[in-house]
Amino acid sequence: MQAENKQKRQELLKAIAATVKGLRNKTGKSISLISNELNVSKSIWSDVELAKTDIQFSTFWRIAEALDIMPEELLKKIKENLPQNFTFIE
């Protein structure tokens, strides 16, 4: 069960990473520029884009603002990058 949750966590982190990176690339901003605008370290932003870390909800919200997207819209886009019927609960 724990291994399955770990795998699902990785799937979620990869979906977040792909979504955030794709949206940042659309803005044409580098990680350095967007992290400076947001007042978040480059390493935090980079770790998100590399699926290395879970992010706090407040960081998620700030990332949405930096990408000029509503948090609920960002969440919707992340969900689109997840496998169909993704859930942690079986």
Protein backbone atom coordinates (compact mmCIF):
# COMPACT_ATOMS: atom_id res chain seq x y z
CA MET A 1 0.00 0.00 0.00
CA GLN A 2 2.79 2.41 0.91
CA ALA A 3 4.64 1.69 -2.33
CA GLU A 4 1.48 2.38 -4.31
CA ASN A 5 1.00 5.72 -2.53
CA LYS A 6 4.62 6.61 -3.24
CA GLN A 7 4.07 5.88 -6.93
CA LYS A 8 0.90 7.97 -7.00
CA ARG A 9 2.68 10.81 -5.23
CA GLN A 10 5.34 10.72 -7.97
CA GLU A 11 2.65 10.79 -10.66
CA LEU A 12 1.13 13.85 -9.00
CA LEU A 13 4.50 15.60 -8.66
CA LYS A 14 5.26 14.91 -12.33
CA ALA A 15 1.89 16.35 -13.37
CA ILE A 16 2.54 19.48 -11.30
CA ALA A 17 6.05 19.76 -12.76
CA ALA A 18 4.91 19.40 -16.36
CA THR A 19 2.09 21.89 -15.89
CA VAL A 20 4.15 24.54 -14.11
CA LYS A 21 7.05 24.24 -16.55
CA GLY A 22 4.74 24.38 -19.57
CA LEU A 23 2.94 27.46 -18.28
CA ARG A 24 6.20 29.18 -17.34
CA ASN A 25 7.62 28.49 -20.80
CA LYS A 26 4.51 30.07 -22.34
CA THR A 27 5.27 33.25 -20.39
CA GLY A 28 8.77 33.28 -21.87
CA LYS A 29 10.24 33.85 -18.40
CA SER A 30 13.26 32.05 -17.04
CA ILE A 31 13.21 30.37 -13.65
CA SER A 32 15.45 33.15 -12.35
CA LEU A 33 13.13 35.92 -13.50
CA ILE A 34 9.87 34.35 -12.38
CA SER A 35 11.26 33.26 -9.01
CA ASN A 36 12.57 36.80 -8.41
CA GLU A 37 9.18 38.28 -9.28
CA LEU A 38 7.54 35.86 -6.87
CA ASN A 39 10.20 36.21 -4.20
CA VAL A 40 10.71 32.44 -4.12
CA SER A 41 14.12 30.87 -4.35
CA LYS A 42 15.18 29.49 -7.72
CA SER A 43 15.82 26.15 -6.06
CA ILE A 44 12.20 25.87 -4.88
CA TRP A 45 10.87 26.69 -8.35
CA SER A 46 13.37 24.31 -9.95
CA ASP A 47 12.48 21.51 -7.53
CA VAL A 48 8.81 21.94 -8.44
CA GLU A 49 9.59 21.73 -12.16
CA LEU A 50 11.78 18.66 -11.60
CA ALA A 51 9.13 16.89 -9.49
CA LYS A 52 11.53 16.72 -6.56
CA THR A 53 9.31 18.10 -3.81
CA ASP A 54 5.78 18.55 -2.58
CA ILE A 55 4.87 22.18 -2.29
CA GLN A 56 2.98 23.96 0.42
CA PHE A 57 -0.43 25.29 -0.48
CA SER A 58 0.76 28.87 -0.03
CA THR A 59 3.59 28.22 -2.51
CA PHE A 60 1.11 26.66 -4.93
CA TRP A 61 -1.00 29.81 -4.71
CA ARG A 62 2.02 32.05 -5.30
CA ILE A 63 3.09 29.98 -8.29
CA ALA A 64 -0.38 30.39 -9.77
CA GLU A 65 -0.14 34.15 -9.31
CA ALA A 66 3.31 34.25 -10.90
CA LEU A 67 1.93 32.34 -13.89
CA ASP A 68 -1.01 34.77 -14.05
CA ILE A 69 -3.55 32.02 -13.59
CA MET A 70 -6.18 31.44 -10.94
CA PRO A 71 -5.22 28.65 -8.50
CA GLU A 72 -8.31 26.63 -9.41
CA GLU A 73 -7.39 26.86 -13.09
CA LEU A 74 -3.86 25.69 -12.32
CA LEU A 75 -5.29 22.75 -10.41
CA LYS A 76 -7.54 21.92 -13.37
CA LYS A 77 -4.54 21.95 -15.72
CA ILE A 78 -2.58 19.70 -13.35
CA LYS A 79 -5.50 17.27 -13.28
CA GLU A 80 -5.41 17.14 -17.10
CA ASN A 81 -1.80 15.90 -16.85
CA LEU A 82 -2.76 13.05 -14.51
CA PRO A 83 -3.90 9.60 -15.59
CA GLN A 84 -7.64 9.30 -16.02
CA ASN A 85 -9.46 8.52 -12.74
CA PHE A 86 -6.35 9.33 -10.67
CA THR A 87 -6.97 8.94 -6.96
CA PHE A 88 -5.08 8.20 -3.80
CA ILE A 89 -8.08 6.36 -2.37
CA GLU A 90 -8.80 2.86 -3.62
